[in-house]
PDB file of N, CA and C in Angstrom:
ATOM      1  N   CYS A   1       0.867  -1.141   0.085  1.00  0.00           N
ATOM      2  CA  CYS A   1       0.027   0.044  -0.036  1.00  0.00           C
ATOM      3  C   CYS A   1       0.992   1.289   0.019  1.00  0.00           C
ATOM      4  N   PRO A   2       0.726   2.162  -0.937  1.00  0.00           N
ATOM      5  CA  PRO A   2       1.439   3.471  -0.890  1.00  0.00           C
ATOM      6  C   PRO A   2       1.319   4.239   0.329  1.00  0.00           C
ATOM      7  N   TRP A   3       2.589   4.756   0.762  1.00  0.00           N
ATOM      8  CA  TRP A   3       2.668   5.586   1.853  1.00  0.00           C
ATOM      9  C   TRP A   3       2.082   7.119   1.598  1.00  0.00           C
ATOM     10  N   PRO A   4       1.312   7.573   2.464  1.00  0.00           N
ATOM     11  CA  PRO A   4       0.829   8.990   2.184  1.00  0.00           C
ATOM     12  C   PRO A   4       2.033  10.023   2.355  1.00  0.00           C
ATOM     13  N   SER A   5       1.790  10.965   1.616  1.00  0.00           N
ATOM     14  CA  SER A   5       2.852  12.039   1.556  1.00  0.00           C
ATOM     15  C   SER A   5       2.334  13.322   2.379  1.00  0.00           C
ATOM     16  N   GLY A   6       1.358  13.373   2.954  1.00  0.00           N
ATOM     17  CA  GLY A   6       0.892  14.500   3.536  1.00  0.00           C
ATOM     18  C   GLY A   6       1.317  14.762   5.060  1.00  0.00           C
ATOM     19  N   ASP A   7       0.598  15.246   5.917  1.00  0.00           N
ATOM     20  CA  ASP A   7       1.103  15.461   7.223  1.00  0.00           C
ATOM     21  C   ASP A   7       1.036  14.356   8.141  1.00  0.00           C
ATOM     22  N   LEU A   8       2.184  13.733   8.057  1.00  0.00           N
ATOM     23  CA  LEU A   8       2.339  12.470   8.845  1.00  0.00           C
ATOM     24  C   LEU A   8       2.531  12.743  10.287  1.00  0.00           C
ATOM     25  N   ASP A   9       3.078  14.000  10.659  1.00  0.00           N
ATOM     26  CA  ASP A   9       3.194  14.274  12.053  1.00  0.00           C
ATOM     27  C   ASP A   9       1.757  14.427  12.921  1.00  0.00           C
ATOM     28  N   ALA A  10       0.695  14.706  12.110  1.00  0.00           N
ATOM     29  CA  ALA A  10      -0.813  14.870  12.761  1.00  0.00           C
ATOM     30  C   ALA A  10      -1.006  13.350  12.924  1.00  0.00           C
ATOM     31  N   VAL A  11      -0.858  12.404  11.911  1.00  0.00           N
ATOM     32  CA  VAL A  11      -1.352  10.946  11.943  1.00  0.00           C
ATOM     33  C   VAL A  11      -0.441  10.456  13.076  1.00  0.00           C
ATOM     34  N   ALA A  12       0.835  10.686  13.334  1.00  0.00           N
ATOM     35  CA  ALA A  12       1.669  10.141  14.347  1.00  0.00           C
ATOM     36  C   ALA A  12       1.061  10.745  15.807  1.00  0.00           C
ATOM     37  N   GLY A  13       0.796  11.940  15.944  1.00  0.00           N
ATOM     38  CA  GLY A  13       0.179  12.504  17.010  1.00  0.00           C
ATOM     39  C   GLY A  13      -1.034  11.683  17.682  1.00  0.00           C
ATOM     40  N   ILE A  14      -1.979  11.509  16.618  1.00  0.00           N
ATOM     41  CA  ILE A  14      -3.258  10.957  16.903  1.00  0.00           C
ATOM     42  C   ILE A  14      -3.019   9.406  17.218  1.00  0.00           C
ATOM     43  N   ALA A  15      -2.086   8.748  16.520  1.00  0.00           N
ATOM     44  CA  ALA A  15      -1.858   7.291  16.686  1.00  0.00           C
ATOM     45  C   ALA A  15      -1.283   7.241  18.121  1.00  0.00           C
ATOM     46  N   SER A  16      -0.288   8.040  18.635  1.00  0.00           N
ATOM     47  CA  SER A  16       0.194   7.997  19.826  1.00  0.00           C
ATOM     48  C   SER A  16      -0.912   8.182  20.972  1.00  0.00           C
ATOM     49  N   ASP A  17      -1.790   9.088  20.693  1.00  0.00           N
ATOM     50  CA  ASP A  17      -2.883   9.470  21.718  1.00  0.00           C
ATOM     51  C   ASP A  17      -3.717   8.046  21.775  1.00  0.00           C
ATOM     52  N   LEU A  18      -3.941   7.485  20.711  1.00  0.00           N
ATOM     53  CA  LEU A  18      -4.812   6.173  20.719  1.00  0.00           C
ATOM     54  C   LEU A  18      -4.149   5.099  21.349  1.00  0.00           C
ATOM     55  N   ASP A  19      -2.683   4.814  21.145  1.00  0.00           N
ATOM     56  CA  ASP A  19      -2.138   4.020  21.676  1.00  0.00           C
ATOM     57  C   ASP A  19      -2.062   4.100  23.315  1.00  0.00           C
ATOM     58  N   ASP A  20      -1.825   5.451  23.671  1.00  0.00           N
ATOM     59  CA  ASP A  20      -1.824   5.836  25.169  1.00  0.00           C
ATOM     60  C   ASP A  20      -3.299   5.384  25.888  1.00  0.00           C
ATOM     61  N   ALA A  21      -4.352   5.738  25.060  1.00  0.00           N
ATOM     62  CA  ALA A  21      -5.769   5.429  25.516  1.00  0.00           C
ATOM     63  C   ALA A  21      -5.896   3.909  25.719  1.00  0.00           C
ATOM     64  N   ARG A  22      -5.497   3.073  24.691  1.00  0.00           N
ATOM     65  CA  ARG A  22      -5.758   1.690  24.785  1.00  0.00           C
ATOM     66  C   ARG A  22      -4.954   1.090  25.922  1.00  0.00           C
ATOM     67  N   ARG A  23      -3.615   1.599  26.018  1.00  0.00           N
ATOM     68  CA  ARG A  23      -2.813   1.146  27.096  1.00  0.00           C
ATOM     69  C   ARG A  23      -3.459   1.297  28.520  1.00  0.00           C
ATOM     70  N   ARG A  24      -3.927   2.475  28.764  1.00  0.00           N
ATOM     71  CA  ARG A  24      -4.587   2.979  29.887  1.00  0.00           C
ATOM     72  C   ARG A  24      -5.769   2.108  30.161  1.00  0.00           C
ATOM     73  N   ILE A  25      -6.754   1.953  29.212  1.00  0.00           N
ATOM     74  CA  ILE A  25      -7.861   1.322  29.415  1.00  0.00           C
ATOM     75  C   ILE A  25      -7.583  -0.223  29.857  1.00  0.00           C
ATOM     76  N   CYS A  26      -6.662  -0.898  28.998  1.00  0.00           N
ATOM     77  CA  CYS A  26      -6.421  -2.224  29.290  1.00  0.00           C
ATOM     78  C   CYS A  26      -5.664  -2.422  30.839  1.00  0.00           C
ATOM     79  N   ARG A  27      -4.706  -1.485  31.094  1.00  0.00           N
ATOM     80  CA  ARG A  27      -4.192  -1.586  32.374  1.00  0.00           C
ATOM     81  C   ARG A  27      -5.209  -1.394  33.652  1.00  0.00           C
ATOM     82  N   GLU A  28      -6.123  -0.391  33.364  1.00  0.00           N
ATOM     83  CA  GLU A  28      -7.135   0.015  34.361  1.00  0.00           C
ATOM     84  C   GLU A  28      -8.160  -1.257  34.432  1.00  0.00           C
ATOM     85  N   GLN A  29      -8.559  -1.933  33.387  1.00  0.00           N
ATOM     86  CA  GLN A  29      -9.701  -2.811  33.474  1.00  0.00           C
ATOM     87  C   GLN A  29      -8.971  -4.179  33.609  1.00  0.00           C
ATOM     88  N   LEU A  30      -7.633  -4.301  33.312  1.00  0.00           N
ATOM     89  CA  LEU A  30      -7.256  -5.679  33.281  1.00  0.00           C
ATOM     90  C   LEU A  30      -7.580  -6.500  32.314  1.00  0.00           C
ATOM     91  N   ILE A  31      -7.568  -5.906  31.021  1.00  0.00           N
ATOM     92  CA  ILE A  31      -7.978  -6.585  29.837  1.00  0.00           C
ATOM     93  C   ILE A  31      -7.048  -6.554  28.728  1.00  0.00           C
ATOM     94  N   GLY A  32      -7.148  -7.461  27.659  1.00  0.00           N
ATOM     95  CA  GLY A  32      -6.231  -7.429  26.617  1.00  0.00           C
ATOM     96  C   GLY A  32      -6.862  -6.641  25.474  1.00  0.00           C
ATOM     97  N   LEU A  33      -6.294  -6.563  24.345  1.00  0.00           N
ATOM     98  CA  LEU A  33      -6.827  -5.807  23.250  1.00  0.00           C
ATOM     99  C   LEU A  33      -8.157  -6.659  22.716  1.00  0.00           C
ATOM    100  N   THR A  34      -8.069  -7.830  22.603  1.00  0.00           N
ATOM    101  CA  THR A  34      -9.213  -8.332  22.094  1.00  0.00           C
ATOM    102  C   THR A  34     -10.536  -8.086  22.813  1.00  0.00           C
ATOM    103  N   THR A  35     -10.197  -8.086  24.154  1.00  0.00           N
ATOM    104  CA  THR A  35     -11.524  -7.905  25.028  1.00  0.00           C
ATOM    105  C   THR A  35     -11.912  -6.272  24.734  1.00  0.00           C
ATOM    106  N   LEU A  36     -10.957  -5.582  24.706  1.00  0.00           N
ATOM    107  CA  LEU A  36     -10.995  -4.166  24.570  1.00  0.00           C
ATOM    108  C   LEU A  36     -11.812  -3.757  23.319  1.00  0.00           C
ATOM    109  N   TYR A  37     -11.345  -4.440  22.273  1.00  0.00           N
ATOM    110  CA  TYR A  37     -12.176  -4.146  21.029  1.00  0.00           C
ATOM    111  C   TYR A  37     -13.475  -4.998  20.750  1.00  0.00           C
ATOM    112  N   ASN A  38     -13.547  -5.907  21.383  1.00  0.00           N
ATOM    113  CA  ASN A  38     -14.994  -6.484  21.542  1.00  0.00           C
ATOM    114  C   ASN A  38     -15.949  -5.645  22.357  1.00  0.00           C
ATOM    115  N   GLN A  39     -15.541  -4.941  23.357  1.00  0.00           N
ATOM    116  CA  GLN A  39     -16.144  -3.996  23.942  1.00  0.00           C
ATOM    117  C   GLN A  39     -16.406  -2.703  23.186  1.00  0.00           C
ATOM    118  N   LEU A  40     -15.548  -2.395  22.595  1.00  0.00           N
ATOM    119  CA  LEU A  40     -15.678  -1.137  21.608  1.00  0.00           C
ATOM    120  C   LEU A  40     -16.640  -1.535  20.509  1.00  0.00           C
ATOM    121  N   ASP A  41     -16.855  -2.561  20.092  1.00  0.00           N
ATOM    122  CA  ASP A  41     -17.812  -2.938  19.183  1.00  0.00           C
ATOM    123  C   ASP A  41     -19.233  -3.015  19.617  1.00  0.00           C
ATOM    124  N   GLU A  42     -19.236  -3.260  21.007  1.00  0.00           N
ATOM    125  CA  GLU A  42     -20.489  -3.295  21.833  1.00  0.00           C
ATOM    126  C   GLU A  42     -20.882  -1.793  22.274  1.00  0.00           C
ATOM    127  N   GLY A  43     -20.170  -0.828  21.888  1.00  0.00           N
ATOM    128  CA  GLY A  43     -20.421   0.576  22.330  1.00  0.00           C
ATOM    129  C   GLY A  43     -19.704   1.250  23.528  1.00  0.00           C
ATOM    130  N   ALA A  44     -18.721   0.434  24.127  1.00  0.00           N
ATOM    131  CA  ALA A  44     -17.821   1.100  25.111  1.00  0.00           C
ATOM    132  C   ALA A  44     -16.585   1.804  24.635  1.00  0.00           C
ATOM    133  N   TRP A  45     -16.149   2.614  25.459  1.00  0.00           N
ATOM    134  CA  TRP A  45     -15.091   3.453  25.164  1.00  0.00           C
ATOM    135  C   TRP A  45     -15.232   4.365  23.941  1.00  0.00           C
ATOM    136  N   LYS A  46     -16.096   5.414  24.069  1.00  0.00           N
ATOM    137  CA  LYS A  46     -16.326   6.367  23.186  1.00  0.00           C
ATOM    138  C   LYS A  46     -15.095   7.187  22.874  1.00  0.00           C
ATOM    139  N   ASP A  47     -14.342   7.538  23.944  1.00  0.00           N
ATOM    140  CA  ASP A  47     -12.998   8.222  23.743  1.00  0.00           C
ATOM    141  C   ASP A  47     -12.271   7.428  22.756  1.00  0.00           C
ATOM    142  N   LEU A  48     -11.969   6.334  22.852  1.00  0.00           N
ATOM    143  CA  LEU A  48     -11.233   5.543  22.044  1.00  0.00           C
ATOM    144  C   LEU A  48     -11.658   5.377  20.597  1.00  0.00           C
ATOM    145  N   ARG A  49     -13.071   5.083  20.558  1.00  0.00           N
ATOM    146  CA  ARG A  49     -13.652   5.194  19.201  1.00  0.00           C
ATOM    147  C   ARG A  49     -13.533   6.443  18.401  1.00  0.00           C
ATOM    148  N   ASP A  50     -13.595   7.535  19.266  1.00  0.00           N
ATOM    149  CA  ASP A  50     -13.401   8.787  18.611  1.00  0.00           C
ATOM    150  C   ASP A  50     -11.992   9.031  18.131  1.00  0.00           C
ATOM    151  N   LEU A  51     -11.098   8.580  18.835  1.00  0.00           N
ATOM    152  CA  LEU A  51      -9.456   8.375  18.465  1.00  0.00           C
ATOM    153  C   LEU A  51      -9.381   7.744  17.072  1.00  0.00           C
ATOM    154  N   HIS A  52     -10.221   6.743  16.909  1.00  0.00           N
ATOM    155  CA  HIS A  52      -9.969   5.877  15.612  1.00  0.00           C
ATOM    156  C   HIS A  52     -10.678   6.677  14.593  1.00  0.00           C
ATOM    157  N   VAL A  53     -11.748   7.443  14.773  1.00  0.00           N
ATOM    158  CA  VAL A  53     -12.134   8.185  13.781  1.00  0.00           C
ATOM    159  C   VAL A  53     -11.352   9.202  13.280  1.00  0.00           C
ATOM    160  N   GLU A  54     -10.666   9.965  14.381  1.00  0.00           N
ATOM    161  CA  GLU A  54      -9.769  11.128  14.107  1.00  0.00           C
ATOM    162  C   GLU A  54      -8.456  10.541  13.306  1.00  0.00           C
ATOM    163  N   LEU A  55      -7.846   9.372  13.670  1.00  0.00           N
ATOM    164  CA  LEU A  55      -6.926   8.702  12.992  1.00  0.00           C
ATOM    165  C   LEU A  55      -7.194   8.459  11.563  1.00  0.00           C
ATOM    166  N   ASP A  56      -8.452   7.863  11.443  1.00  0.00           N
ATOM    167  CA  ASP A  56      -8.803   7.441  10.038  1.00  0.00           C
ATOM    168  C   ASP A  56      -8.785   8.705   9.098  1.00  0.00           C
ATOM    169  N   GLU A  57      -9.367   9.917   9.631  1.00  0.00           N
ATOM    170  CA  GLU A  57      -9.611  11.106   8.979  1.00  0.00           C
ATOM    171  C   GLU A  57      -8.226  11.631   8.706  1.00  0.00           C
ATOM    172  N   ALA A  58      -7.385  11.633   9.545  1.00  0.00           N
ATOM    173  CA  ALA A  58      -5.984  12.319   9.449  1.00  0.00           C
ATOM    174  C   ALA A  58      -5.296  11.450   8.243  1.00  0.00           C
ATOM    175  N   VAL A  59      -5.357  10.095   8.344  1.00  0.00           N
ATOM    176  CA  VAL A  59      -4.772   9.286   7.253  1.00  0.00           C
ATOM    177  C   VAL A  59      -5.302   9.663   5.761  1.00  0.00           C
ATOM    178  N   ALA A  60      -6.601   9.868   5.795  1.00  0.00           N
ATOM    179  CA  ALA A  60      -7.251  10.305   4.507  1.00  0.00           C
ATOM    180  C   ALA A  60      -6.624  11.664   3.973  1.00  0.00           C
ATOM    181  N   GLU A  61      -6.624  12.548   5.033  1.00  0.00           N
ATOM    182  CA  GLU A  61      -6.027  13.810   4.731  1.00  0.00           C
ATOM    183  C   GLU A  61      -4.577  13.732   4.318  1.00  0.00           C
ATOM    184  N   ALA A  62      -3.741  12.882   4.929  1.00  0.00           N
ATOM    185  CA  ALA A  62      -2.426  12.707   4.571  1.00  0.00           C
ATOM    186  C   ALA A  62      -2.300  12.214   3.049  1.00  0.00           C
ATOM    187  N   TYR A  63      -3.269  11.442   2.664  1.00  0.00           N
ATOM    188  CA  TYR A  63      -3.388  10.991   1.151  1.00  0.00           C
ATOM    189  C   TYR A  63      -3.796  12.160   0.365  1.00  0.00           C
ATOM    190  N   GLY A  64      -4.339  13.221   1.001  1.00  0.00           N
ATOM    191  CA  GLY A  64      -4.822  14.312   0.105  1.00  0.00           C
ATOM    192  C   GLY A  64      -6.395  14.039  -0.159  1.00  0.00           C
ATOM    193  N   TRP A  65      -6.888  13.365   0.359  1.00  0.00           N
ATOM    194  CA  TRP A  65      -8.338  13.009   0.230  1.00  0.00           C
ATOM    195  C   TRP A  65      -9.227  13.729   1.196  1.00  0.00           C
ATOM    196  N   PRO A  66     -10.588  14.016   0.746  1.00  0.00           N
ATOM    197  CA  PRO A  66     -11.598  14.464   1.831  1.00  0.00           C
ATOM    198  C   PRO A  66     -11.683  13.413   3.037  1.00  0.00           C
ATOM    199  N   LYS A  67     -11.952  14.072   4.076  1.00  0.00           N
ATOM    200  CA  LYS A  67     -12.066  13.291   5.431  1.00  0.00           C
ATOM    201  C   LYS A  67     -13.145  12.096   5.035  1.00  0.00           C
ATOM    202  N   HIS A  68     -14.195  12.482   4.436  1.00  0.00           N
ATOM    203  CA  HIS A  68     -15.359  11.618   4.263  1.00  0.00           C
ATOM    204  C   HIS A  68     -14.923  10.231   3.650  1.00  0.00           C
ATOM    205  N   VAL A  69     -13.775  10.225   2.910  1.00  0.00           N
ATOM    206  CA  VAL A  69     -13.253   8.787   2.355  1.00  0.00           C
ATOM    207  C   VAL A  69     -12.818   7.892   3.482  1.00  0.00           C
ATOM    208  N   ALA A  70     -12.542   8.301   4.573  1.00  0.00           N
ATOM    209  CA  ALA A  70     -12.139   7.658   5.625  1.00  0.00           C
ATOM    210  C   ALA A  70     -13.180   6.885   6.081  1.00  0.00           C
ATOM    211  N   HIS A  71     -14.397   7.115   5.797  1.00  0.00           N
ATOM    212  CA  HIS A  71     -15.688   6.372   6.337  1.00  0.00           C
ATOM    213  C   HIS A  71     -16.467   5.528   5.189  1.00  0.00           C
ATOM    214  N   ASP A  72     -15.621   5.443   4.049  1.00  0.00           N
ATOM    215  CA  ASP A  72     -16.285   4.725   2.909  1.00  0.00           C
ATOM    216  C   ASP A  72     -15.089   3.736   2.468  1.00  0.00           C
ATOM    217  N   PRO A  73     -15.283   2.477   2.771  1.00  0.00           N
ATOM    218  CA  PRO A  73     -14.229   1.581   2.450  1.00  0.00           C
ATOM    219  C   PRO A  73     -14.049   1.314   0.887  1.00  0.00           C
ATOM    220  N   VAL A  74     -15.225   1.524   0.247  1.00  0.00           N
ATOM    221  CA  VAL A  74     -15.161   1.148  -1.115  1.00  0.00           C
ATOM    222  C   VAL A  74     -14.515   2.630  -1.929  1.00  0.00           C
ATOM    223  N   ALA A  75     -14.530   3.597  -1.402  1.00  0.00           N
ATOM    224  CA  ALA A  75     -13.973   4.864  -2.032  1.00  0.00           C
ATOM    225  C   ALA A  75     -12.548   4.739  -1.580  1.00  0.00           C
ATOM    226  N   SER A  76     -12.113   4.421  -0.332  1.00  0.00           N
ATOM    227  CA  SER A  76     -10.721   4.447  -0.042  1.00  0.00           C
ATOM    228  C   SER A  76      -9.947   3.377  -0.879  1.00  0.00           C
ATOM    229  N   ASN A  77     -10.724   2.125  -0.858  1.00  0.00           N
ATOM    230  CA  ASN A  77     -10.026   0.923  -1.511  1.00  0.00           C
ATOM    231  C   ASN A  77      -9.832   1.311  -2.960  1.00  0.00           C
ATOM    232  N   ARG A  78     -10.669   2.023  -3.608  1.00  0.00           N
ATOM    233  CA  ARG A  78     -10.707   2.257  -5.029  1.00  0.00           C
ATOM    234  C   ARG A  78      -9.462   3.324  -5.330  1.00  0.00           C
ATOM    235  N   ARG A  79      -9.327   4.374  -4.264  1.00  0.00           N
ATOM    236  CA  ARG A  79      -8.425   5.360  -4.377  1.00  0.00           C
ATOM    237  C   ARG A  79      -7.010   4.611  -4.126  1.00  0.00           C
ATOM    238  N   LEU A  80      -6.809   3.785  -3.131  1.00  0.00           N
ATOM    239  CA  LEU A  80      -5.641   3.221  -3.003  1.00  0.00           C
ATOM    240  C   LEU A  80      -5.268   2.248  -4.133  1.00  0.00           C
ATOM    241  N   LEU A  81      -6.135   1.526  -4.916  1.00  0.00           N
ATOM    242  CA  LEU A  81      -5.779   0.799  -6.004  1.00  0.00           C
ATOM    243  C   LEU A  81      -5.403   1.654  -7.167  1.00  0.00           C
ATOM    244  N   GLU A  82      -6.094   2.647  -7.299  1.00  0.00           N
ATOM    245  CA  GLU A  82      -5.642   3.643  -8.440  1.00  0.00           C
ATOM    246  C   GLU A  82      -4.385   4.353  -8.133  1.00  0.00           C
ATOM    247  N   LEU A  83      -4.044   4.545  -6.763  1.00  0.00           N
ATOM    248  CA  LEU A  83      -2.662   4.827  -6.535  1.00  0.00           C
ATOM    249  C   LEU A  83      -1.540   4.002  -6.726  1.00  0.00           C
ATOM    250  N   ASN A  84      -2.016   2.723  -6.354  1.00  0.00           N
ATOM    251  CA  ASN A  84      -0.972   1.619  -6.742  1.00  0.00           C
ATOM    252  C   ASN A  84      -0.812   1.445  -8.070  1.00  0.00           C
ATOM    253  N   ARG A  85      -1.740   1.523  -8.746  1.00  0.00           N
ATOM    254  CA  ARG A  85      -1.800   1.335 -10.404  1.00  0.00           C
ATOM    255  C   ARG A  85      -0.862   2.324 -10.967  1.00  0.00           C
ATOM    256  N   ALA A  86      -1.077   3.641 -10.551  1.00  0.00           N
ATOM    257  CA  ALA A  86      -0.274   4.789 -11.137  1.00  0.00           C
ATOM    258  C   ALA A  86       1.354   4.622 -10.778  1.00  0.00           C
ATOM    259  N   ILE A  87       1.482   4.267  -9.507  1.00  0.00           N
ATOM    260  CA  ILE A  87       2.936   3.955  -9.040  1.00  0.00           C
ATOM    261  C   ILE A  87       3.575   3.058  -9.968  1.00  0.00           C
ATOM    262  N   ALA A  88       2.855   1.788 -10.138  1.00  0.00           N
ATOM    263  CA  ALA A  88       3.414   0.678 -10.886  1.00  0.00           C
ATOM    264  C   ALA A  88       3.631   0.972 -12.407  1.00  0.00           C
ATOM    265  N   ALA A  89       2.862   1.928 -12.889  1.00  0.00           N
ATOM    266  CA  ALA A  89       2.916   2.350 -14.015  1.00  0.00           C
ATOM    267  C   ALA A  89       3.989   3.457 -14.431  1.00  0.00           C
ATOM    268  N   GLY A  90       4.717   3.953 -13.301  1.00  0.00           N
ATOM    269  CA  GLY A  90       5.584   5.063 -13.269  1.00  0.00           C
ATOM    270  C   GLY A  90       4.919   6.351 -13.563  1.00  0.00           C
ATOM    271  N   GLU A  91       3.751   6.546 -13.356  1.00  0.00           N
ATOM    272  CA  GLU A  91       2.941   7.902 -13.570  1.00  0.00           C
ATOM    273  C   GLU A  91       3.322   8.707 -12.402  1.00  0.00           C
ATOM    274  N   ILE A  92       3.681   8.149 -11.350  1.00  0.00           N
ATOM    275  CA  ILE A  92       3.713   9.060 -10.051  1.00  0.00           C
ATOM    276  C   ILE A  92       5.123   8.692  -9.527  1.00  0.00           C
ATOM    277  N   ASP A  93       6.031   9.530  -9.044  1.00  0.00           N
ATOM    278  CA  ASP A  93       7.204   9.308  -8.600  1.00  0.00           C
ATOM    279  C   ASP A  93       7.060   8.859  -7.097  1.00  0.00           C
ATOM    280  N   TYR A  94       7.592   7.804  -6.688  1.00  0.00           N
ATOM    281  CA  TYR A  94       7.111   7.349  -5.409  1.00  0.00           C
ATOM    282  C   TYR A  94       8.422   6.804  -4.637  1.00  0.00           C
ATOM    283  N   ARG A  95       8.944   7.786  -3.698  1.00  0.00           N
ATOM    284  CA  ARG A  95      10.021   7.389  -2.778  1.00  0.00           C
ATOM    285  C   ARG A  95       9.591   7.522  -1.333  1.00  0.00           C
ATOM    286  N   PRO A  96       8.949   6.552  -0.696  1.00  0.00           N
ATOM    287  CA  PRO A  96       8.153   7.002   0.622  1.00  0.00           C
ATOM    288  C   PRO A  96       9.347   7.278   1.876  1.00  0.00           C
ATOM    289  N   PHE A  97      10.526   6.623   1.644  1.00  0.00           N
ATOM    290  CA  PHE A  97      11.535   6.578   2.582  1.00  0.00           C
ATOM    291  C   PHE A  97      12.809   7.336   2.208  1.00  0.00           C
ATOM    292  N   ALA A  98      12.939   7.895   1.200  1.00  0.00           N
ATOM    293  CA  ALA A  98      14.025   8.668   0.547  1.00  0.00           C
ATOM    294  C   ALA A  98      14.454   9.707   1.288  1.00  0.00           C
TER     295      ALA A  98
END
């Protein structure tokens, strides 16, 4: 999957906040990630859910896409496939770690 070229500092900051929140909840509740995410699916941990939404939107923006693409798996997959195709065809200069 192509690496985004936008504001990765924003993505890293939100990802760090999300990781801190997960660790805090797991430590306080004495649970693992599977239990945490099962509970999240059942409606628990709104703050963690909100961080996931923020992270998804920041990643979309880092790709240069509108935030709403983060909430549409069909649109995001289509965009990623097109980006992969363009990179493979040499239409886009791609050096993610240069």
